[in-house]
PDB file of all heavy atoms in Angstrom:
ATOM      1  N   ASN A   1     162.259 108.220  77.085  1.00  0.00           N
ATOM      2  CA  ASN A   1     161.138 108.559  77.916  1.00  0.00           C
ATOM      3  C   ASN A   1     159.894 109.014  77.109  1.00  0.00           C
ATOM      4  O   ASN A   1     159.021 109.686  77.669  1.00  0.00           O
ATOM      5  CB  ASN A   1     161.568 109.686  78.887  1.00  0.00           C
ATOM      6  CG  ASN A   1     161.965 110.966  78.132  1.00  0.00           C
ATOM      7  OD1 ASN A   1     162.103 110.969  76.953  1.00  0.00           O
ATOM      8  ND2 ASN A   1     162.138 112.070  78.904  1.00  0.00           N
ATOM      9  N   THR A   2     159.853 108.672  75.838  1.00  0.00           N
ATOM     10  CA  THR A   2     158.745 109.125  74.964  1.00  0.00           C
ATOM     11  C   THR A   2     158.026 107.883  74.450  1.00  0.00           C
ATOM     12  O   THR A   2     158.595 106.915  74.058  1.00  0.00           O
ATOM     13  CB  THR A   2     159.279 109.934  73.762  1.00  0.00           C
ATOM     14  OG1 THR A   2     160.045 110.967  74.231  1.00  0.00           O
ATOM     15  CG2 THR A   2     158.152 110.407  72.870  1.00  0.00           C
ATOM     16  N   ILE A   3     156.664 108.009  74.583  1.00  0.00           N
ATOM     17  CA  ILE A   3     155.766 106.981  74.011  1.00  0.00           C
ATOM     18  C   ILE A   3     154.792 107.640  73.095  1.00  0.00           C
ATOM     19  O   ILE A   3     154.065 108.595  73.510  1.00  0.00           O
ATOM     20  CB  ILE A   3     155.054 106.200  75.153  1.00  0.00           C
ATOM     21  CG1 ILE A   3     156.051 105.457  76.087  1.00  0.00           C
ATOM     22  CG2 ILE A   3     154.057 105.186  74.511  1.00  0.00           C
ATOM     23  CD1 ILE A   3     155.414 104.763  77.190  1.00  0.00           C
ATOM     24  N   ILE A   4     154.705 107.177  71.870  1.00  0.00           N
ATOM     25  CA  ILE A   4     153.749 107.705  70.914  1.00  0.00           C
ATOM     26  C   ILE A   4     152.795 106.531  70.557  1.00  0.00           C
ATOM     27  O   ILE A   4     153.284 105.461  70.200  1.00  0.00           O
ATOM     28  CB  ILE A   4     154.420 108.209  69.622  1.00  0.00           C
ATOM     29  CG1 ILE A   4     155.419 109.374  69.978  1.00  0.00           C
ATOM     30  CG2 ILE A   4     153.447 108.635  68.583  1.00  0.00           C
ATOM     31  CD1 ILE A   4     156.337 109.677  68.841  1.00  0.00           C
ATOM     32  N   THR A   5     151.497 106.795  70.680  1.00  0.00           N
ATOM     33  CA  THR A   5     150.525 105.797  70.314  1.00  0.00           C
ATOM     34  C   THR A   5     149.595 106.418  69.258  1.00  0.00           C
ATOM     35  O   THR A   5     149.088 107.510  69.449  1.00  0.00           O
ATOM     36  CB  THR A   5     149.700 105.319  71.537  1.00  0.00           C
ATOM     37  OG1 THR A   5     150.607 104.786  72.507  1.00  0.00           O
ATOM     38  CG2 THR A   5     148.692 104.251  71.159  1.00  0.00           C
ATOM     39  N   GLU A   6     149.394 105.671  68.213  1.00  0.00           N
ATOM     40  CA  GLU A   6     148.550 106.183  67.127  1.00  0.00           C
ATOM     41  C   GLU A   6     147.581 105.063  66.775  1.00  0.00           C
ATOM     42  O   GLU A   6     147.975 103.883  66.540  1.00  0.00           O
ATOM     43  CB  GLU A   6     149.436 106.542  65.934  1.00  0.00           C
ATOM     44  CG  GLU A   6     148.673 107.112  64.750  1.00  0.00           C
ATOM     45  CD  GLU A   6     148.093 108.494  65.002  1.00  0.00           C
ATOM     46  OE1 GLU A   6     148.647 109.257  65.723  1.00  0.00           O
ATOM     47  OE2 GLU A   6     147.019 108.799  64.406  1.00  0.00           O
ATOM     48  N   ASP A   7     146.312 105.410  66.644  1.00  0.00           N
ATOM     49  CA  ASP A   7     145.307 104.451  66.232  1.00  0.00           C
ATOM     50  C   ASP A   7     145.131 104.638  64.693  1.00  0.00           C
ATOM     51  O   ASP A   7     144.913 105.749  64.218  1.00  0.00           O
ATOM     52  CB  ASP A   7     143.972 104.661  66.869  1.00  0.00           C
ATOM     53  CG  ASP A   7     143.957 104.256  68.338  1.00  0.00           C
ATOM     54  OD1 ASP A   7     144.821 103.437  68.712  1.00  0.00           O
ATOM     55  OD2 ASP A   7     143.164 104.753  69.143  1.00  0.00           O
ATOM     56  N   LEU A   8     145.229 103.551  63.978  1.00  0.00           N
ATOM     57  CA  LEU A   8     145.098 103.587  62.514  1.00  0.00           C
ATOM     58  C   LEU A   8     143.762 102.929  62.191  1.00  0.00           C
ATOM     59  O   LEU A   8     143.565 101.767  62.433  1.00  0.00           O
ATOM     60  CB  LEU A   8     146.211 102.834  61.830  1.00  0.00           C
ATOM     61  CG  LEU A   8     147.660 103.282  62.182  1.00  0.00           C
ATOM     62  CD1 LEU A   8     148.668 102.331  61.617  1.00  0.00           C
ATOM     63  CD2 LEU A   8     147.922 104.664  61.629  1.00  0.00           C
ATOM     64  N   ALA A   9     142.862 103.698  61.621  1.00  0.00           N
ATOM     65  CA  ALA A   9     141.586 103.187  61.226  1.00  0.00           C
ATOM     66  C   ALA A   9     141.877 102.375  59.886  1.00  0.00           C
ATOM     67  O   ALA A   9     142.337 102.973  58.933  1.00  0.00           O
ATOM     68  CB  ALA A   9     140.557 104.294  60.931  1.00  0.00           C
ATOM     69  N   THR A  10     141.543 101.110  59.916  1.00  0.00           N
ATOM     70  CA  THR A  10     141.862 100.289  58.823  1.00  0.00           C
ATOM     71  C   THR A  10     140.804 100.308  57.727  1.00  0.00           C
ATOM     72  O   THR A  10     141.059  99.839  56.640  1.00  0.00           O
ATOM     73  CB  THR A  10     142.101  98.821  59.210  1.00  0.00           C
ATOM     74  OG1 THR A  10     140.943  98.360  59.908  1.00  0.00           O
ATOM     75  CG2 THR A  10     143.287  98.730  60.166  1.00  0.00           C
ATOM     76  N   GLY A  11     139.675 100.901  57.978  1.00  0.00           N
ATOM     77  CA  GLY A  11     138.608 101.032  56.964  1.00  0.00           C
ATOM     78  C   GLY A  11     137.952  99.683  56.735  1.00  0.00           C
ATOM     79  O   GLY A  11     138.131  98.694  57.397  1.00  0.00           O
ATOM     80  N   LYS A  12     137.169  99.649  55.658  1.00  0.00           N
ATOM     81  CA  LYS A  12     136.414  98.440  55.274  1.00  0.00           C
ATOM     82  C   LYS A  12     137.383  97.382  54.957  1.00  0.00           C
ATOM     83  O   LYS A  12     138.409  97.574  54.310  1.00  0.00           O
ATOM     84  CB  LYS A  12     135.536  98.718  54.081  1.00  0.00           C
ATOM     85  CG  LYS A  12     134.399  99.739  54.395  1.00  0.00           C
ATOM     86  CD  LYS A  12     133.517  99.957  53.215  1.00  0.00           C
ATOM     87  CE  LYS A  12     132.437 100.957  53.552  1.00  0.00           C
ATOM     88  NZ  LYS A  12     131.568 101.266  52.431  1.00  0.00           N
ATOM     89  N   GLY A  13     137.094  96.168  55.331  1.00  0.00           N
ATOM     90  CA  GLY A  13     137.928  95.062  55.021  1.00  0.00           C
ATOM     91  C   GLY A  13     139.070  94.821  55.942  1.00  0.00           C
ATOM     92  O   GLY A  13     139.847  93.885  55.822  1.00  0.00           O
ATOM     93  N   GLY A  14     139.266  95.709  56.972  1.00  0.00           N
ATOM     94  CA  GLY A  14     140.318  95.565  57.938  1.00  0.00           C
ATOM     95  C   GLY A  14     141.703  95.620  57.403  1.00  0.00           C
ATOM     96  O   GLY A  14     142.533  94.872  57.845  1.00  0.00           O
ATOM     97  N   THR A  15     141.971  96.499  56.418  1.00  0.00           N
ATOM     98  CA  THR A  15     143.328  96.650  55.922  1.00  0.00           C
ATOM     99  C   THR A  15     143.808  98.110  56.189  1.00  0.00           C
ATOM    100  O   THR A  15     143.027  99.016  56.125  1.00  0.00           O
ATOM    101  CB  THR A  15     143.448  96.356  54.437  1.00  0.00           C
ATOM    102  OG1 THR A  15     142.560  97.220  53.721  1.00  0.00           O
ATOM    103  CG2 THR A  15     143.012  94.941  54.179  1.00  0.00           C
ATOM    104  N   ILE A  16     145.097  98.259  56.425  1.00  0.00           N
ATOM    105  CA  ILE A  16     145.699  99.566  56.553  1.00  0.00           C
ATOM    106  C   ILE A  16     145.957 100.083  55.151  1.00  0.00           C
ATOM    107  O   ILE A  16     146.494  99.341  54.281  1.00  0.00           O
ATOM    108  CB  ILE A  16     147.013  99.499  57.404  1.00  0.00           C
ATOM    109  CG1 ILE A  16     146.710  98.996  58.836  1.00  0.00           C
ATOM    110  CG2 ILE A  16     147.738 100.836  57.428  1.00  0.00           C
ATOM    111  CD1 ILE A  16     147.893  98.664  59.598  1.00  0.00           C
ATOM    112  N   PRO A  17     145.559 101.326  54.867  1.00  0.00           N
ATOM    113  CA  PRO A  17     145.728 101.842  53.510  1.00  0.00           C
ATOM    114  C   PRO A  17     147.200 101.775  53.054  1.00  0.00           C
ATOM    115  O   PRO A  17     148.099 102.079  53.835  1.00  0.00           O
ATOM    116  CB  PRO A  17     145.211 103.244  53.613  1.00  0.00           C
ATOM    117  CG  PRO A  17     144.348 103.306  54.801  1.00  0.00           C
ATOM    118  CD  PRO A  17     144.900 102.307  55.719  1.00  0.00           C
ATOM    119  N   ARG A  18     147.417 101.482  51.794  1.00  0.00           N
ATOM    120  CA  ARG A  18     148.768 101.472  51.207  1.00  0.00           C
ATOM    121  C   ARG A  18     149.472 102.764  51.428  1.00  0.00           C
ATOM    122  O   ARG A  18     150.690 102.800  51.687  1.00  0.00           O
ATOM    123  CB  ARG A  18     148.674 101.118  49.711  1.00  0.00           C
ATOM    124  CG  ARG A  18     149.990 101.028  49.040  1.00  0.00           C
ATOM    125  CD  ARG A  18     149.896 100.747  47.560  1.00  0.00           C
ATOM    126  NE  ARG A  18     151.223 100.776  46.990  1.00  0.00           N
ATOM    127  CZ  ARG A  18     151.724  99.750  46.322  1.00  0.00           C
ATOM    128  NH1 ARG A  18     151.059  98.625  46.114  1.00  0.00           N
ATOM    129  NH2 ARG A  18     152.939  99.860  45.792  1.00  0.00           N
ATOM    130  N   SER A  19     148.778 103.909  51.284  1.00  0.00           N
ATOM    131  CA  SER A  19     149.410 105.202  51.501  1.00  0.00           C
ATOM    132  C   SER A  19     150.004 105.329  52.895  1.00  0.00           C
ATOM    133  O   SER A  19     151.040 105.944  53.055  1.00  0.00           O
ATOM    134  CB  SER A  19     148.425 106.314  51.196  1.00  0.00           C
ATOM    135  OG  SER A  19     147.306 106.264  52.094  1.00  0.00           O
ATOM    136  N   THR A  20     149.330 104.812  53.886  1.00  0.00           N
ATOM    137  CA  THR A  20     149.867 104.840  55.267  1.00  0.00           C
ATOM    138  C   THR A  20     151.136 103.999  55.387  1.00  0.00           C
ATOM    139  O   THR A  20     152.160 104.457  55.997  1.00  0.00           O
ATOM    140  CB  THR A  20     148.811 104.332  56.312  1.00  0.00           C
ATOM    141  OG1 THR A  20     147.617 105.189  56.143  1.00  0.00           O
ATOM    142  CG2 THR A  20     149.314 104.380  57.690  1.00  0.00           C
ATOM    143  N   ILE A  21     151.109 102.831  54.842  1.00  0.00           N
ATOM    144  CA  ILE A  21     152.329 101.959  54.832  1.00  0.00           C
ATOM    145  C   ILE A  21     153.459 102.655  54.117  1.00  0.00           C
ATOM    146  O   ILE A  21     154.602 102.658  54.616  1.00  0.00           O
ATOM    147  CB  ILE A  21     151.977 100.592  54.214  1.00  0.00           C
ATOM    148  CG1 ILE A  21     150.949  99.867  55.054  1.00  0.00           C
ATOM    149  CG2 ILE A  21     153.252  99.742  54.087  1.00  0.00           C
ATOM    150  CD1 ILE A  21     150.334  98.645  54.400  1.00  0.00           C
ATOM    151  N   GLU A  22     153.183 103.252  52.949  1.00  0.00           N
ATOM    152  CA  GLU A  22     154.223 103.966  52.232  1.00  0.00           C
ATOM    153  C   GLU A  22     154.833 105.089  52.995  1.00  0.00           C
ATOM    154  O   GLU A  22     156.028 105.346  52.930  1.00  0.00           O
ATOM    155  CB  GLU A  22     153.654 104.445  50.880  1.00  0.00           C
ATOM    156  CG  GLU A  22     153.394 103.331  49.877  1.00  0.00           C
ATOM    157  CD  GLU A  22     152.687 103.832  48.623  1.00  0.00           C
ATOM    158  OE1 GLU A  22     152.249 105.004  48.583  1.00  0.00           O
ATOM    159  OE2 GLU A  22     152.506 102.998  47.735  1.00  0.00           O
ATOM    160  N   GLN A  23     154.009 105.785  53.836  1.00  0.00           N
ATOM    161  CA  GLN A  23     154.570 106.890  54.685  1.00  0.00           C
ATOM    162  C   GLN A  23     155.560 106.322  55.683  1.00  0.00           C
ATOM    163  O   GLN A  23     156.631 106.917  55.920  1.00  0.00           O
ATOM    164  CB  GLN A  23     153.465 107.662  55.348  1.00  0.00           C
ATOM    165  CG  GLN A  23     152.639 108.482  54.386  1.00  0.00           C
ATOM    166  CD  GLN A  23     151.445 109.151  55.028  1.00  0.00           C
ATOM    167  OE1 GLN A  23     151.110 108.837  56.158  1.00  0.00           O
ATOM    168  NE2 GLN A  23     150.820 110.072  54.357  1.00  0.00           N
ATOM    169  N   PHE A  24     155.258 105.170  56.307  1.00  0.00           N
ATOM    170  CA  PHE A  24     156.185 104.574  57.239  1.00  0.00           C
ATOM    171  C   PHE A  24     157.449 104.123  56.573  1.00  0.00           C
ATOM    172  O   PHE A  24     158.553 104.267  57.074  1.00  0.00           O
ATOM    173  CB  PHE A  24     155.506 103.428  58.016  1.00  0.00           C
ATOM    174  CG  PHE A  24     154.592 103.852  59.055  1.00  0.00           C
ATOM    175  CD1 PHE A  24     153.194 103.708  58.907  1.00  0.00           C
ATOM    176  CD2 PHE A  24     155.019 104.490  60.210  1.00  0.00           C
ATOM    177  CE1 PHE A  24     152.343 104.158  59.885  1.00  0.00           C
ATOM    178  CE2 PHE A  24     154.155 104.919  61.203  1.00  0.00           C
ATOM    179  CZ  PHE A  24     152.783 104.741  61.049  1.00  0.00           C
ATOM    180  N   ILE A  25     157.327 103.538  55.309  1.00  0.00           N
ATOM    181  CA  ILE A  25     158.467 103.133  54.566  1.00  0.00           C
ATOM    182  C   ILE A  25     159.354 104.359  54.250  1.00  0.00           C
ATOM    183  O   ILE A  25     160.586 104.296  54.325  1.00  0.00           O
ATOM    184  CB  ILE A  25     158.043 102.349  53.287  1.00  0.00           C
ATOM    185  CG1 ILE A  25     157.452 101.011  53.671  1.00  0.00           C
ATOM    186  CG2 ILE A  25     159.272 102.179  52.340  1.00  0.00           C
ATOM    187  CD1 ILE A  25     156.736 100.301  52.520  1.00  0.00           C
ATOM    188  N   THR A  26     158.753 105.459  53.883  1.00  0.00           N
ATOM    189  CA  THR A  26     159.465 106.663  53.541  1.00  0.00           C
ATOM    190  C   THR A  26     160.263 107.149  54.771  1.00  0.00           C
ATOM    191  O   THR A  26     161.422 107.558  54.625  1.00  0.00           O
ATOM    192  CB  THR A  26     158.499 107.750  53.068  1.00  0.00           C
ATOM    193  OG1 THR A  26     157.866 107.287  51.923  1.00  0.00           O
ATOM    194  CG2 THR A  26     159.216 109.093  52.740  1.00  0.00           C
ATOM    195  N   VAL A  27     159.640 107.101  55.936  1.00  0.00           N
ATOM    196  CA  VAL A  27     160.396 107.551  57.108  1.00  0.00           C
ATOM    197  C   VAL A  27     161.583 106.618  57.363  1.00  0.00           C
ATOM    198  O   VAL A  27     162.721 107.093  57.626  1.00  0.00           O
ATOM    199  CB  VAL A  27     159.456 107.567  58.388  1.00  0.00           C
ATOM    200  CG1 VAL A  27     160.277 107.702  59.658  1.00  0.00           C
ATOM    201  CG2 VAL A  27     158.457 108.650  58.222  1.00  0.00           C
ATOM    202  N   ALA A  28     161.402 105.315  57.226  1.00  0.00           N
ATOM    203  CA  ALA A  28     162.575 104.387  57.429  1.00  0.00           C
ATOM    204  C   ALA A  28     163.625 104.654  56.373  1.00  0.00           C
ATOM    205  O   ALA A  28     164.824 104.612  56.717  1.00  0.00           O
ATOM    206  CB  ALA A  28     162.005 102.938  57.311  1.00  0.00           C
TER     207      ALA A  28
END
């Protein structure tokens, strides 16, 4: 019954920062 929505600002060039990706990998 929980929905979490997060907007990730990709910055210049339309890429998600490596540090953000690494945080998701760390959680997994």
